[in-house]
Amino acid sequence: MQIVKGNGPITGEQIAERLNLTRATLRPDLAILTMAGFLDARPRVGYFYAGKKNTVSITESMMNLKVKDFQSKPVLVSEDMMVYDAILRMFSEDVGTLFVIDPQNYLQGVLSRKDLLRTSIGTQDLNKIPVHIIMTRMPNIAYCQRNDSLILAAKKLIEREIDSLPVVQETEKGVEVIGRLTKTSITRAFISLAETHEL
């Protein structure tokens, strides 16, 4: 902030050069400072010191972010899948959580990396243990819906100390998984608040 205050407007590249960092390394910091209202930015002009914006307007911007705008595709597995196959699926899909569904596609459970790691330690045959034995079951699963505030979903992730939430649609027959929201999704969302000012 001192560099921008004393030299603004100044581009992200110039700030990075002065700090002996790459622009990519500095991008999250600039995004947070812009989002928080300390800096402002103009395309092709640079960053400049803005003081502190009204925290009410910042809070409103954050509360307007919705789950549906940042959710990604869920990775679903059946209740009778074996633990070994679930481990392979988790790695092939490059995710940290699998959502377990019944034959009608309703959410029954959640499998985390910790669940699979805990089960794989020992001498048991992972080809003979179905995931429904080790998964976290409904109703002990935290989830969110498409129109929920991203802030409220982020609070659930923090409170439960989990990596992702299933995005669901509640029906009379059960809870259907229509997406997933991860810590990476949350980070992307907050960076996006400042990306409209990206230089």
Foldseek 3Di string as FASTA:
>chain_A
DVCQAVDPQDALCVVCVVVVHHSVVCLLVVLVCVLQQQWFFAPPGHIHGRHGDDVVVSVVVQQQDWQLVQWAAAAEDEQQQFLVVVVVSCVVVVHFKYFYAYPVQFTFFMDGPVLSVVVPPDDDDSRPHGVNVRTHGPPVADAAEGGGRLVVLVVVCVVVVHFKHFHWDQDPVHTHGGTMDGPVSSSVVSSVSRCVRHD
